[in-house]
Amino acid sequence: SLVLLVSVSFSTVSMGAEKPFAKGK
């Protein structure tokens, strides 16, 4: 469960960190 929680959390952070290439451009 902990592994799954960490994986989901990491994926969520990664997705949130992906900035659209044209944002603010």
mmCIF file of all heavy atoms, coordinates in Angstrom:
data_MODEL
# 
_entry.id   MODEL 
# 
loop_
_atom_site.group_PDB 
_atom_site.id 
_atom_site.type_symbol 
_atom_site.label_atom_id 
_atom_site.label_alt_id 
_atom_site.label_comp_id 
_atom_site.label_asym_id 
_atom_site.label_entity_id 
_atom_site.label_seq_id 
_atom_site.pdbx_PDB_ins_code 
_atom_site.Cartn_x 
_atom_site.Cartn_y 
_atom_site.Cartn_z 
_atom_site.occupancy 
_atom_site.B_iso_or_equiv 
_atom_site.pdbx_formal_charge 
_atom_site.auth_seq_id 
_atom_site.auth_comp_id 
_atom_site.auth_asym_id 
_atom_site.auth_atom_id 
_atom_site.pdbx_PDB_model_num 
ATOM 1   N N   . SER A 1 1  ? 0.831  -1.208 0.000   1.00 0.00 ? 1  SER A N   1 
ATOM 2   C CA  . SER A 1 1  ? 0.000  0.000  0.000   1.00 0.00 ? 1  SER A CA  1 
ATOM 3   C C   . SER A 1 1  ? 0.858  1.247  0.000   1.00 0.00 ? 1  SER A C   1 
ATOM 4   O O   . SER A 1 1  ? 0.576  2.234  -0.684  1.00 0.00 ? 1  SER A O   1 
ATOM 5   C CB  . SER A 1 1  ? -0.932 0.002  1.217   1.00 0.00 ? 1  SER A CB  1 
ATOM 6   O OG  . SER A 1 1  ? -1.779 -1.111 1.187   1.00 0.00 ? 1  SER A OG  1 
ATOM 7   N N   . LEU A 1 2  ? 1.940  1.193  0.825   1.00 0.00 ? 2  LEU A N   1 
ATOM 8   C CA  . LEU A 1 2  ? 2.832  2.352  0.881   1.00 0.00 ? 2  LEU A CA  1 
ATOM 9   C C   . LEU A 1 2  ? 3.523  2.595  -0.453  1.00 0.00 ? 2  LEU A C   1 
ATOM 10  O O   . LEU A 1 2  ? 3.676  3.729  -0.903  1.00 0.00 ? 2  LEU A O   1 
ATOM 11  C CB  . LEU A 1 2  ? 3.885  2.136  1.986   1.00 0.00 ? 2  LEU A CB  1 
ATOM 12  C CG  . LEU A 1 2  ? 3.373  2.245  3.418   1.00 0.00 ? 2  LEU A CG  1 
ATOM 13  C CD1 . LEU A 1 2  ? 4.459  1.809  4.407   1.00 0.00 ? 2  LEU A CD1 1 
ATOM 14  C CD2 . LEU A 1 2  ? 2.939  3.693  3.702   1.00 0.00 ? 2  LEU A CD2 1 
ATOM 15  N N   . VAL A 1 3  ? 3.957  1.502  -1.111  1.00 0.00 ? 3  VAL A N   1 
ATOM 16  C CA  . VAL A 1 3  ? 4.596  1.634  -2.432  1.00 0.00 ? 3  VAL A CA  1 
ATOM 17  C C   . VAL A 1 3  ? 3.638  2.260  -3.431  1.00 0.00 ? 3  VAL A C   1 
ATOM 18  O O   . VAL A 1 3  ? 3.972  3.150  -4.210  1.00 0.00 ? 3  VAL A O   1 
ATOM 19  C CB  . VAL A 1 3  ? 5.092  0.259  -2.941  1.00 0.00 ? 3  VAL A CB  1 
ATOM 20  C CG1 . VAL A 1 3  ? 5.501  0.343  -4.408  1.00 0.00 ? 3  VAL A CG1 1 
ATOM 21  C CG2 . VAL A 1 3  ? 6.258  -0.225 -2.100  1.00 0.00 ? 3  VAL A CG2 1 
ATOM 22  N N   . LEU A 1 4  ? 2.379  1.761  -3.417  1.00 0.00 ? 4  LEU A N   1 
ATOM 23  C CA  . LEU A 1 4  ? 1.371  2.287  -4.327  1.00 0.00 ? 4  LEU A CA  1 
ATOM 24  C C   . LEU A 1 4  ? 1.109  3.760  -4.047  1.00 0.00 ? 4  LEU A C   1 
ATOM 25  O O   . LEU A 1 4  ? 1.002  4.586  -4.972  1.00 0.00 ? 4  LEU A O   1 
ATOM 26  C CB  . LEU A 1 4  ? 0.077  1.491  -4.188  1.00 0.00 ? 4  LEU A CB  1 
ATOM 27  C CG  . LEU A 1 4  ? -1.105 1.952  -5.065  1.00 0.00 ? 4  LEU A CG  1 
ATOM 28  C CD1 . LEU A 1 4  ? -0.732 1.836  -6.552  1.00 0.00 ? 4  LEU A CD1 1 
ATOM 29  C CD2 . LEU A 1 4  ? -2.353 1.118  -4.756  1.00 0.00 ? 4  LEU A CD2 1 
ATOM 30  N N   . LEU A 1 5  ? 1.035  4.124  -2.774  1.00 0.00 ? 5  LEU A N   1 
ATOM 31  C CA  . LEU A 1 5  ? 0.776  5.513  -2.390  1.00 0.00 ? 5  LEU A CA  1 
ATOM 32  C C   . LEU A 1 5  ? 1.902  6.422  -2.854  1.00 0.00 ? 5  LEU A C   1 
ATOM 33  O O   . LEU A 1 5  ? 1.681  7.503  -3.395  1.00 0.00 ? 5  LEU A O   1 
ATOM 34  C CB  . LEU A 1 5  ? 0.613  5.602  -0.870  1.00 0.00 ? 5  LEU A CB  1 
ATOM 35  C CG  . LEU A 1 5  ? 0.368  7.013  -0.302  1.00 0.00 ? 5  LEU A CG  1 
ATOM 36  C CD1 . LEU A 1 5  ? -0.931 7.587  -0.879  1.00 0.00 ? 5  LEU A CD1 1 
ATOM 37  C CD2 . LEU A 1 5  ? 0.304  6.961  1.226   1.00 0.00 ? 5  LEU A CD2 1 
ATOM 38  N N   . VAL A 1 6  ? 3.144  5.956  -2.664  1.00 0.00 ? 6  VAL A N   1 
ATOM 39  C CA  . VAL A 1 6  ? 4.305  6.753  -3.081  1.00 0.00 ? 6  VAL A CA  1 
ATOM 40  C C   . VAL A 1 6  ? 4.318  6.912  -4.591  1.00 0.00 ? 6  VAL A C   1 
ATOM 41  O O   . VAL A 1 6  ? 4.591  7.981  -5.128  1.00 0.00 ? 6  VAL A O   1 
ATOM 42  C CB  . VAL A 1 6  ? 5.623  6.094  -2.592  1.00 0.00 ? 6  VAL A CB  1 
ATOM 43  C CG1 . VAL A 1 6  ? 6.828  6.776  -3.235  1.00 0.00 ? 6  VAL A CG1 1 
ATOM 44  C CG2 . VAL A 1 6  ? 5.728  6.179  -1.079  1.00 0.00 ? 6  VAL A CG2 1 
ATOM 45  N N   . SER A 1 7  ? 3.985  5.817  -5.329  1.00 0.00 ? 7  SER A N   1 
ATOM 46  C CA  . SER A 1 7  ? 3.985  5.866  -6.795  1.00 0.00 ? 7  SER A CA  1 
ATOM 47  C C   . SER A 1 7  ? 2.961  6.855  -7.307  1.00 0.00 ? 7  SER A C   1 
ATOM 48  O O   . SER A 1 7  ? 3.239  7.673  -8.190  1.00 0.00 ? 7  SER A O   1 
ATOM 49  C CB  . SER A 1 7  ? 3.686  4.479  -7.377  1.00 0.00 ? 7  SER A CB  1 
ATOM 50  O OG  . SER A 1 7  ? 4.681  3.559  -6.999  1.00 0.00 ? 7  SER A OG  1 
ATOM 51  N N   . VAL A 1 8  ? 1.755  6.782  -6.724  1.00 0.00 ? 8  VAL A N   1 
ATOM 52  C CA  . VAL A 1 8  ? 0.692  7.691  -7.141  1.00 0.00 ? 8  VAL A CA  1 
ATOM 53  C C   . VAL A 1 8  ? 1.074  9.130  -6.835  1.00 0.00 ? 8  VAL A C   1 
ATOM 54  O O   . VAL A 1 8  ? 0.884  10.040 -7.640  1.00 0.00 ? 8  VAL A O   1 
ATOM 55  C CB  . VAL A 1 8  ? -0.635 7.313  -6.457  1.00 0.00 ? 8  VAL A CB  1 
ATOM 56  C CG1 . VAL A 1 8  ? -1.691 8.384  -6.718  1.00 0.00 ? 8  VAL A CG1 1 
ATOM 57  C CG2 . VAL A 1 8  ? -1.125 5.965  -6.976  1.00 0.00 ? 8  VAL A CG2 1 
ATOM 58  N N   . SER A 1 9  ? 1.635  9.336  -5.626  1.00 0.00 ? 9  SER A N   1 
ATOM 59  C CA  . SER A 1 9  ? 2.023  10.687 -5.230  1.00 0.00 ? 9  SER A CA  1 
ATOM 60  C C   . SER A 1 9  ? 3.099  11.229 -6.153  1.00 0.00 ? 9  SER A C   1 
ATOM 61  O O   . SER A 1 9  ? 3.070  12.375 -6.589  1.00 0.00 ? 9  SER A O   1 
ATOM 62  C CB  . SER A 1 9  ? 2.531  10.679 -3.778  1.00 0.00 ? 9  SER A CB  1 
ATOM 63  O OG  . SER A 1 9  ? 1.509  10.244 -2.911  1.00 0.00 ? 9  SER A OG  1 
ATOM 64  N N   . PHE A 1 10 ? 4.072  10.385 -6.498  1.00 0.00 ? 10 PHE A N   1 
ATOM 65  C CA  . PHE A 1 10 ? 5.172  10.813 -7.371  1.00 0.00 ? 10 PHE A CA  1 
ATOM 66  C C   . PHE A 1 10 ? 4.643  11.158 -8.761  1.00 0.00 ? 10 PHE A C   1 
ATOM 67  O O   . PHE A 1 10 ? 5.031  12.165 -9.356  1.00 0.00 ? 10 PHE A O   1 
ATOM 68  C CB  . PHE A 1 10 ? 6.211  9.692  -7.464  1.00 0.00 ? 10 PHE A CB  1 
ATOM 69  C CG  . PHE A 1 10 ? 7.376  10.043 -8.350  1.00 0.00 ? 10 PHE A CG  1 
ATOM 70  C CD1 . PHE A 1 10 ? 8.376  10.891 -7.896  1.00 0.00 ? 10 PHE A CD1 1 
ATOM 71  C CD2 . PHE A 1 10 ? 7.469  9.535  -9.642  1.00 0.00 ? 10 PHE A CD2 1 
ATOM 72  C CE1 . PHE A 1 10 ? 9.451  11.226 -8.705  1.00 0.00 ? 10 PHE A CE1 1 
ATOM 73  C CE2 . PHE A 1 10 ? 8.540  9.863  -10.451 1.00 0.00 ? 10 PHE A CE2 1 
ATOM 74  C CZ  . PHE A 1 10 ? 9.535  10.703 -9.985  1.00 0.00 ? 10 PHE A CZ  1 
ATOM 75  N N   . SER A 1 11 ? 3.717  10.292 -9.258  1.00 0.00 ? 11 SER A N   1 
ATOM 76  C CA  . SER A 1 11 ? 3.145  10.546 -10.585 1.00 0.00 ? 11 SER A CA  1 
ATOM 77  C C   . SER A 1 11 ? 2.378  11.851 -10.599 1.00 0.00 ? 11 SER A C   1 
ATOM 78  O O   . SER A 1 11 ? 2.452  12.625 -11.548 1.00 0.00 ? 11 SER A O   1 
ATOM 79  C CB  . SER A 1 11 ? 2.220  9.392  -11.004 1.00 0.00 ? 11 SER A CB  1 
ATOM 80  O OG  . SER A 1 11 ? 2.955  8.182  -11.082 1.00 0.00 ? 11 SER A OG  1 
ATOM 81  N N   . THR A 1 12 ? 1.635  12.088 -9.510  1.00 0.00 ? 12 THR A N   1 
ATOM 82  C CA  . THR A 1 12 ? 0.833  13.302 -9.433  1.00 0.00 ? 12 THR A CA  1 
ATOM 83  C C   . THR A 1 12 ? 1.725  14.532 -9.435  1.00 0.00 ? 12 THR A C   1 
ATOM 84  O O   . THR A 1 12 ? 1.469  15.515 -10.124 1.00 0.00 ? 12 THR A O   1 
ATOM 85  C CB  . THR A 1 12 ? -0.033 13.297 -8.161  1.00 0.00 ? 12 THR A CB  1 
ATOM 86  O OG1 . THR A 1 12 ? -0.852 12.140 -8.188  1.00 0.00 ? 12 THR A OG1 1 
ATOM 87  C CG2 . THR A 1 12 ? -0.908 14.536 -8.099  1.00 0.00 ? 12 THR A CG2 1 
ATOM 88  N N   . VAL A 1 13 ? 2.821  14.459 -8.670  1.00 0.00 ? 13 VAL A N   1 
ATOM 89  C CA  . VAL A 1 13 ? 3.757  15.578 -8.622  1.00 0.00 ? 13 VAL A CA  1 
ATOM 90  C C   . VAL A 1 13 ? 4.382  15.803 -9.987  1.00 0.00 ? 13 VAL A C   1 
ATOM 91  O O   . VAL A 1 13 ? 4.523  16.926 -10.469 1.00 0.00 ? 13 VAL A O   1 
ATOM 92  C CB  . VAL A 1 13 ? 4.848  15.321 -7.561  1.00 0.00 ? 13 VAL A CB  1 
ATOM 93  C CG1 . VAL A 1 13 ? 5.961  16.363 -7.682  1.00 0.00 ? 13 VAL A CG1 1 
ATOM 94  C CG2 . VAL A 1 13 ? 4.254  15.342 -6.170  1.00 0.00 ? 13 VAL A CG2 1 
ATOM 95  N N   . SER A 1 14 ? 4.748  14.671 -10.665 1.00 0.00 ? 14 SER A N   1 
ATOM 96  C CA  . SER A 1 14 ? 5.384  14.782 -11.979 1.00 0.00 ? 14 SER A CA  1 
ATOM 97  C C   . SER A 1 14 ? 4.449  15.416 -12.977 1.00 0.00 ? 14 SER A C   1 
ATOM 98  O O   . SER A 1 14 ? 4.830  16.295 -13.755 1.00 0.00 ? 14 SER A O   1 
ATOM 99  C CB  . SER A 1 14 ? 5.809  13.397 -12.473 1.00 0.00 ? 14 SER A CB  1 
ATOM 100 O OG  . SER A 1 14 ? 6.756  12.843 -11.597 1.00 0.00 ? 14 SER A OG  1 
ATOM 101 N N   . MET A 1 15 ? 3.183  14.956 -12.968 1.00 0.00 ? 15 MET A N   1 
ATOM 102 C CA  . MET A 1 15 ? 2.199  15.505 -13.911 1.00 0.00 ? 15 MET A CA  1 
ATOM 103 C C   . MET A 1 15 ? 1.963  16.975 -13.638 1.00 0.00 ? 15 MET A C   1 
ATOM 104 O O   . MET A 1 15 ? 1.854  17.795 -14.548 1.00 0.00 ? 15 MET A O   1 
ATOM 105 C CB  . MET A 1 15 ? 0.889  14.721 -13.818 1.00 0.00 ? 15 MET A CB  1 
ATOM 106 C CG  . MET A 1 15 ? 1.003  13.301 -14.354 1.00 0.00 ? 15 MET A CG  1 
ATOM 107 S SD  . MET A 1 15 ? -0.518 12.369 -14.109 1.00 0.00 ? 15 MET A SD  1 
ATOM 108 C CE  . MET A 1 15 ? -1.664 13.292 -15.112 1.00 0.00 ? 15 MET A CE  1 
ATOM 109 N N   . GLY A 1 16 ? 1.909  17.318 -12.354 1.00 0.00 ? 16 GLY A N   1 
ATOM 110 C CA  . GLY A 1 16 ? 1.666  18.705 -12.017 1.00 0.00 ? 16 GLY A CA  1 
ATOM 111 C C   . GLY A 1 16 ? 2.838  19.587 -12.392 1.00 0.00 ? 16 GLY A C   1 
ATOM 112 O O   . GLY A 1 16 ? 2.695  20.775 -12.624 1.00 0.00 ? 16 GLY A O   1 
ATOM 113 N N   . ALA A 1 17 ? 4.049  18.954 -12.422 1.00 0.00 ? 17 ALA A N   1 
ATOM 114 C CA  . ALA A 1 17 ? 5.243  19.737 -12.724 1.00 0.00 ? 17 ALA A CA  1 
ATOM 115 C C   . ALA A 1 17 ? 5.432  19.957 -14.215 1.00 0.00 ? 17 ALA A C   1 
ATOM 116 O O   . ALA A 1 17 ? 6.272  20.744 -14.624 1.00 0.00 ? 17 ALA A O   1 
ATOM 117 C CB  . ALA A 1 17 ? 6.469  19.034 -12.149 1.00 0.00 ? 17 ALA A CB  1 
ATOM 118 N N   . GLU A 1 18 ? 4.709  19.181 -15.052 1.00 0.00 ? 18 GLU A N   1 
ATOM 119 C CA  . GLU A 1 18 ? 4.834  19.320 -16.500 1.00 0.00 ? 18 GLU A CA  1 
ATOM 120 C C   . GLU A 1 18 ? 4.154  20.606 -16.956 1.00 0.00 ? 18 GLU A C   1 
ATOM 121 O O   . GLU A 1 18 ? 2.933  20.690 -17.042 1.00 0.00 ? 18 GLU A O   1 
ATOM 122 C CB  . GLU A 1 18 ? 4.206  18.116 -17.210 1.00 0.00 ? 18 GLU A CB  1 
ATOM 123 C CG  . GLU A 1 18 ? 5.017  16.843 -17.039 1.00 0.00 ? 18 GLU A CG  1 
ATOM 124 C CD  . GLU A 1 18 ? 4.379  15.676 -17.774 1.00 0.00 ? 18 GLU A CD  1 
ATOM 125 O OE1 . GLU A 1 18 ? 3.326  15.872 -18.410 1.00 0.00 ? 18 GLU A OE1 1 
ATOM 126 O OE2 . GLU A 1 18 ? 4.922  14.570 -17.700 1.00 0.00 ? 18 GLU A OE2 1 
ATOM 127 N N   . LYS A 1 19 ? 4.948  21.598 -17.271 1.00 0.00 ? 19 LYS A N   1 
ATOM 128 C CA  . LYS A 1 19 ? 4.421  22.879 -17.711 1.00 0.00 ? 19 LYS A CA  1 
ATOM 129 C C   . LYS A 1 19 ? 4.194  22.852 -19.215 1.00 0.00 ? 19 LYS A C   1 
ATOM 130 O O   . LYS A 1 19 ? 5.079  22.462 -19.965 1.00 0.00 ? 19 LYS A O   1 
ATOM 131 C CB  . LYS A 1 19 ? 5.420  23.983 -17.348 1.00 0.00 ? 19 LYS A CB  1 
ATOM 132 C CG  . LYS A 1 19 ? 4.965  25.381 -17.715 1.00 0.00 ? 19 LYS A CG  1 
ATOM 133 C CD  . LYS A 1 19 ? 6.029  26.388 -17.316 1.00 0.00 ? 19 LYS A CD  1 
ATOM 134 C CE  . LYS A 1 19 ? 5.610  27.794 -17.719 1.00 0.00 ? 19 LYS A CE  1 
ATOM 135 N NZ  . LYS A 1 19 ? 6.656  28.790 -17.359 1.00 0.00 ? 19 LYS A NZ  1 
ATOM 136 N N   . PRO A 1 20 ? 3.006  23.236 -19.689 1.00 0.00 ? 20 PRO A N   1 
ATOM 137 C CA  . PRO A 1 20 ? 2.757  23.272 -21.136 1.00 0.00 ? 20 PRO A CA  1 
ATOM 138 C C   . PRO A 1 20 ? 3.818  24.129 -21.830 1.00 0.00 ? 20 PRO A C   1 
ATOM 139 O O   . PRO A 1 20 ? 4.212  25.181 -21.319 1.00 0.00 ? 20 PRO A O   1 
ATOM 140 C CB  . PRO A 1 20 ? 1.372  23.917 -21.222 1.00 0.00 ? 20 PRO A CB  1 
ATOM 141 C CG  . PRO A 1 20 ? 0.712  23.616 -19.912 1.00 0.00 ? 20 PRO A CG  1 
ATOM 142 C CD  . PRO A 1 20 ? 1.829  23.657 -18.913 1.00 0.00 ? 20 PRO A CD  1 
ATOM 143 N N   . PHE A 1 21 ? 4.301  23.656 -23.002 1.00 0.00 ? 21 PHE A N   1 
ATOM 144 C CA  . PHE A 1 21 ? 5.406  24.334 -23.673 1.00 0.00 ? 21 PHE A CA  1 
ATOM 145 C C   . PHE A 1 21 ? 5.078  25.781 -24.046 1.00 0.00 ? 21 PHE A C   1 
ATOM 146 O O   . PHE A 1 21 ? 5.978  26.605 -24.193 1.00 0.00 ? 21 PHE A O   1 
ATOM 147 C CB  . PHE A 1 21 ? 5.816  23.556 -24.938 1.00 0.00 ? 21 PHE A CB  1 
ATOM 148 C CG  . PHE A 1 21 ? 4.867  23.721 -26.110 1.00 0.00 ? 21 PHE A CG  1 
ATOM 149 C CD1 . PHE A 1 21 ? 5.068  24.726 -27.048 1.00 0.00 ? 21 PHE A CD1 1 
ATOM 150 C CD2 . PHE A 1 21 ? 3.775  22.867 -26.270 1.00 0.00 ? 21 PHE A CD2 1 
ATOM 151 C CE1 . PHE A 1 21 ? 4.213  24.876 -28.123 1.00 0.00 ? 21 PHE A CE1 1 
ATOM 152 C CE2 . PHE A 1 21 ? 2.920  23.015 -27.344 1.00 0.00 ? 21 PHE A CE2 1 
ATOM 153 C CZ  . PHE A 1 21 ? 3.129  24.027 -28.271 1.00 0.00 ? 21 PHE A CZ  1 
ATOM 154 N N   . ALA A 1 22 ? 3.785  26.093 -24.193 1.00 0.00 ? 22 ALA A N   1 
ATOM 155 C CA  . ALA A 1 22 ? 3.408  27.438 -24.630 1.00 0.00 ? 22 ALA A CA  1 
ATOM 156 C C   . ALA A 1 22 ? 2.861  28.317 -23.513 1.00 0.00 ? 22 ALA A C   1 
ATOM 157 O O   . ALA A 1 22 ? 2.461  29.455 -23.770 1.00 0.00 ? 22 ALA A O   1 
ATOM 158 C CB  . ALA A 1 22 ? 2.375  27.344 -25.753 1.00 0.00 ? 22 ALA A CB  1 
ATOM 159 N N   . LYS A 1 23 ? 2.856  27.807 -22.284 1.00 0.00 ? 23 LYS A N   1 
ATOM 160 C CA  . LYS A 1 23 ? 2.286  28.579 -21.186 1.00 0.00 ? 23 LYS A CA  1 
ATOM 161 C C   . LYS A 1 23 ? 3.082  29.863 -20.955 1.00 0.00 ? 23 LYS A C   1 
ATOM 162 O O   . LYS A 1 23 ? 4.298  29.841 -20.789 1.00 0.00 ? 23 LYS A O   1 
ATOM 163 C CB  . LYS A 1 23 ? 2.253  27.754 -19.902 1.00 0.00 ? 23 LYS A CB  1 
ATOM 164 C CG  . LYS A 1 23 ? 1.553  28.457 -18.739 1.00 0.00 ? 23 LYS A CG  1 
ATOM 165 C CD  . LYS A 1 23 ? 1.450  27.545 -17.545 1.00 0.00 ? 23 LYS A CD  1 
ATOM 166 C CE  . LYS A 1 23 ? 0.768  28.229 -16.369 1.00 0.00 ? 23 LYS A CE  1 
ATOM 167 N NZ  . LYS A 1 23 ? -0.607 28.667 -16.684 1.00 0.00 ? 23 LYS A NZ  1 
ATOM 168 N N   . GLY A 1 24 ? 2.380  30.991 -20.963 1.00 0.00 ? 24 GLY A N   1 
ATOM 169 C CA  . GLY A 1 24 ? 3.026  32.278 -20.751 1.00 0.00 ? 24 GLY A CA  1 
ATOM 170 C C   . GLY A 1 24 ? 3.876  32.730 -21.925 1.00 0.00 ? 24 GLY A C   1 
ATOM 171 O O   . GLY A 1 24 ? 4.628  33.704 -21.814 1.00 0.00 ? 24 GLY A O   1 
ATOM 172 N N   . LYS A 1 25 ? 3.757  32.028 -23.063 1.00 0.00 ? 25 LYS A N   1 
ATOM 173 C CA  . LYS A 1 25 ? 4.589  32.332 -24.224 1.00 0.00 ? 25 LYS A CA  1 
ATOM 174 C C   . LYS A 1 25 ? 3.750  32.917 -25.369 1.00 0.00 ? 25 LYS A C   1 
ATOM 175 O O   . LYS A 1 25 ? 2.520  33.013 -25.282 1.00 0.00 ? 25 LYS A O   1 
ATOM 176 C CB  . LYS A 1 25 ? 5.290  31.064 -24.721 1.00 0.00 ? 25 LYS A CB  1 
ATOM 177 C CG  . LYS A 1 25 ? 6.163  30.392 -23.689 1.00 0.00 ? 25 LYS A CG  1 
ATOM 178 C CD  . LYS A 1 25 ? 7.389  31.199 -23.379 1.00 0.00 ? 25 LYS A CD  1 
ATOM 179 C CE  . LYS A 1 25 ? 8.280  30.505 -22.354 1.00 0.00 ? 25 LYS A CE  1 
ATOM 180 N NZ  . LYS A 1 25 ? 8.813  29.231 -22.821 1.00 0.00 ? 25 LYS A NZ  1 
# 
